[in-house]
Amino acid sequence: MPTSAPQVLYTPAQRARRDATAWTLVQGILAPVQFLIFGISLYLVLRSLQTGEHTDWALGSVVLKTVVLYAIMVTGAIWEKVVFGQYLFAPAFYWEDVVSMGVLALHTAYLWVWWQGLWSATDQLLLALAAYGSYAINAAQYIRKLRMARMQKQPSSTSLPNTGAQAST
């Protein structure tokens, strides 16, 4: 488990791999698409719970949101492997990945009860809201990391080289 000390998100080699891989572009496209679907679905879910109308649309929108979530999670794991050398739980994204597992569990539970017709539509939509709450927390984590990555300074090319004048230990 990573320590709580501040850390640099990317080493220069990791940053180079991140910038070179097509998976970064895939993530850059899927993330806003998923967020748009989330927003529309959230509206449909809340509206259905409020009015009882268009419940099928609301239930179906959660399925679509979950399919896109699976796509972004699989491609994100591939991205993490390319950049950090492991599919999940790289130290720089450890807690984001931990929360992602909960997000996946709630969305998968929704798919199960939807597919099996085990719960009432209202109960399914309430489960979807729980899944969406976890997704919102996870999305905020990733947005924070994106901002941190943008603010992370690359080593300056004008830095003085190490001349060996420092005392050795």
Protein backbone atom coordinates (compact mmCIF):
# COMPACT_ATOMS: atom_id res chain seq x y z
CA MET A 1 0.00 0.00 0.00
CA PRO A 2 1.41 3.43 -0.86
CA THR A 3 2.58 5.82 1.80
CA SER A 4 0.83 9.08 2.53
CA ALA A 5 3.89 11.16 1.65
CA PRO A 6 3.47 13.47 -1.34
CA GLN A 7 4.56 11.81 -4.51
CA VAL A 8 5.22 12.70 -8.07
CA LEU A 9 2.56 11.12 -10.27
CA TYR A 10 4.85 10.21 -13.13
CA THR A 11 8.54 9.61 -13.46
CA PRO A 12 9.97 11.00 -16.71
CA ALA A 13 9.84 7.49 -18.23
CA GLN A 14 6.23 6.98 -17.15
CA ARG A 15 5.27 10.40 -18.51
CA ALA A 16 6.89 9.48 -21.84
CA ARG A 17 4.99 6.17 -21.95
CA ARG A 18 1.75 7.96 -21.00
CA ASP A 19 2.21 10.50 -23.75
CA ALA A 20 3.19 7.88 -26.36
CA THR A 21 0.42 5.33 -25.86
CA ALA A 22 -2.84 5.41 -27.79
CA TRP A 23 -4.58 4.30 -24.57
CA THR A 24 -4.22 7.84 -23.23
CA LEU A 25 -6.33 9.09 -26.15
CA VAL A 26 -8.84 6.27 -25.62
CA GLN A 27 -9.20 7.30 -21.97
CA GLY A 28 -9.42 10.95 -22.99
CA ILE A 29 -12.38 10.13 -25.26
CA LEU A 30 -14.17 7.58 -23.08
CA ALA A 31 -14.08 9.66 -19.89
CA PRO A 32 -16.15 12.61 -21.15
CA VAL A 33 -18.47 10.26 -23.10
CA GLN A 34 -19.10 8.29 -19.92
CA PHE A 35 -19.65 11.48 -17.94
CA LEU A 36 -22.18 12.72 -20.51
CA ILE A 37 -24.03 9.39 -20.38
CA PHE A 38 -23.90 9.57 -16.58
CA GLY A 39 -25.46 13.04 -16.58
CA ILE A 40 -28.28 12.05 -18.92
CA SER A 41 -28.89 8.81 -17.05
CA LEU A 42 -28.87 10.55 -13.68
CA TYR A 43 -31.52 12.93 -14.96
CA LEU A 44 -33.62 10.02 -16.28
CA VAL A 45 -33.26 8.07 -13.03
CA LEU A 46 -34.19 11.03 -10.83
CA ARG A 47 -37.08 11.99 -13.10
CA SER A 48 -38.40 8.43 -13.12
CA LEU A 49 -38.19 8.21 -9.33
CA GLN A 50 -39.98 11.55 -9.05
CA THR A 51 -42.75 11.02 -11.62
CA GLY A 52 -42.84 7.28 -12.27
CA GLU A 53 -42.59 8.02 -16.00
CA HIS A 54 -40.14 6.65 -18.56
CA THR A 55 -38.84 4.05 -16.13
CA ASP A 56 -37.72 1.78 -18.97
CA TRP A 57 -35.58 4.60 -20.36
CA ALA A 58 -34.08 5.21 -16.93
CA LEU A 59 -33.34 1.52 -16.34
CA GLY A 60 -31.84 1.14 -19.82
CA SER A 61 -29.69 4.23 -19.40
CA VAL A 62 -28.07 2.67 -16.35
CA VAL A 63 -27.26 -0.42 -18.40
CA LEU A 64 -25.65 1.77 -21.09
CA LYS A 65 -23.71 3.70 -18.43
CA THR A 66 -22.47 0.40 -16.98
CA VAL A 67 -21.32 -0.92 -20.37
CA VAL A 68 -19.32 2.26 -20.94
CA LEU A 69 -17.95 1.99 -17.38
CA TYR A 70 -16.70 -1.53 -18.14
CA ALA A 71 -15.05 -0.25 -21.33
CA ILE A 72 -13.28 2.58 -19.53
CA MET A 73 -12.20 0.29 -16.69
CA VAL A 74 -10.72 -2.34 -19.03
CA THR A 75 -8.95 0.22 -21.21
CA GLY A 76 -7.84 2.08 -18.08
CA ALA A 77 -6.25 -1.09 -16.72
CA ILE A 78 -4.43 -1.54 -20.03
CA TRP A 79 -3.30 2.11 -19.87
CA GLU A 80 -2.05 1.55 -16.32
CA LYS A 81 -0.10 -1.53 -17.45
CA VAL A 82 1.55 0.41 -20.28
CA VAL A 83 2.41 3.42 -18.12
CA PHE A 84 3.18 1.83 -14.73
CA GLY A 85 3.86 -1.83 -15.55
CA GLN A 86 0.84 -3.26 -13.70
CA TYR A 87 -2.82 -3.53 -14.58
CA LEU A 88 -4.21 -2.13 -11.34
CA PHE A 89 -3.18 -0.59 -8.03
CA ALA A 90 -0.09 1.23 -9.25
CA PRO A 91 1.00 3.43 -6.34
CA ALA A 92 0.12 6.67 -8.17
CA PHE A 93 -3.50 5.51 -8.67
CA TYR A 94 -3.90 3.08 -5.78
CA TRP A 95 -6.88 4.72 -4.04
CA GLU A 96 -8.60 5.55 -7.31
CA ASP A 97 -8.39 1.86 -8.23
CA VAL A 98 -9.66 0.78 -4.80
CA VAL A 99 -12.73 3.01 -5.14
CA SER A 100 -13.15 1.84 -8.75
CA MET A 101 -13.60 -1.71 -7.45
CA GLY A 102 -16.53 -0.52 -5.34
CA VAL A 103 -17.96 1.37 -8.32
CA LEU A 104 -17.72 -1.78 -10.43
CA ALA A 105 -19.31 -3.89 -7.69
CA LEU A 106 -22.32 -1.57 -7.39
CA HIS A 107 -22.80 -1.26 -11.15
CA THR A 108 -22.45 -5.03 -11.56
CA ALA A 109 -24.98 -5.60 -8.78
CA TYR A 110 -27.34 -3.29 -10.66
CA LEU A 111 -26.88 -5.29 -13.87
CA TRP A 112 -27.56 -8.50 -11.99
CA VAL A 113 -30.82 -7.36 -10.39
CA TRP A 114 -31.91 -5.69 -13.64
CA TRP A 115 -31.19 -8.80 -15.71
CA GLN A 116 -32.79 -11.15 -13.22
CA GLY A 117 -35.73 -8.85 -12.51
CA LEU A 118 -35.18 -9.51 -8.82
CA TRP A 119 -36.13 -6.08 -7.51
CA SER A 120 -38.81 -3.55 -8.28
CA ALA A 121 -37.95 -0.81 -10.74
CA THR A 122 -37.81 1.70 -7.89
CA ASP A 123 -35.36 -0.44 -5.93
CA GLN A 124 -33.23 -0.92 -9.05
CA LEU A 125 -33.13 2.84 -9.59
CA LEU A 126 -32.17 3.41 -5.96
CA LEU A 127 -29.32 0.93 -6.39
CA ALA A 128 -28.34 2.84 -9.53
CA LEU A 129 -28.21 6.04 -7.45
CA ALA A 130 -25.87 4.34 -4.97
CA ALA A 131 -23.69 3.21 -7.88
CA TYR A 132 -23.78 6.74 -9.30
CA GLY A 133 -22.77 8.23 -5.96
CA SER A 134 -19.71 5.98 -5.87
CA TYR A 135 -18.98 6.86 -9.50
CA ALA A 136 -19.13 10.59 -8.69
CA ILE A 137 -16.58 10.13 -5.89
CA ASN A 138 -14.33 8.11 -8.21
CA ALA A 139 -14.66 10.64 -11.03
CA ALA A 140 -13.66 13.41 -8.60
CA GLN A 141 -10.58 11.37 -7.64
CA TYR A 142 -9.53 11.04 -11.28
CA ILE A 143 -10.22 14.70 -12.04
CA ARG A 144 -8.01 15.61 -9.08
CA LYS A 145 -5.24 13.37 -10.45
CA LEU A 146 -5.63 14.89 -13.91
CA ARG A 147 -5.19 18.36 -12.41
CA MET A 148 -2.18 17.15 -10.39
CA ALA A 149 -0.61 15.70 -13.54
CA ARG A 150 -1.09 18.97 -15.39
CA MET A 151 0.48 20.89 -12.53
CA GLN A 152 3.40 18.49 -12.13
CA LYS A 153 6.46 20.21 -13.43
CA GLN A 154 8.80 18.37 -15.69
CA PRO A 155 12.49 18.61 -14.82
CA SER A 156 13.87 21.80 -16.22
CA SER A 157 16.31 21.45 -19.08
CA THR A 158 18.15 24.47 -17.69
CA SER A 159 18.97 22.73 -14.38
CA LEU A 160 22.63 22.60 -13.56
CA PRO A 161 24.11 19.15 -14.03
CA ASN A 162 25.36 17.27 -11.00
CA THR A 163 29.08 18.00 -10.91
CA GLY A 164 29.87 15.61 -8.12
CA ALA A 165 30.63 18.54 -5.79
CA GLN A 166 28.10 17.30 -3.27
CA ALA A 167 29.34 15.29 -0.33
CA SER A 168 28.83 11.59 -0.73
CA THR A 169 27.19 9.61 2.01
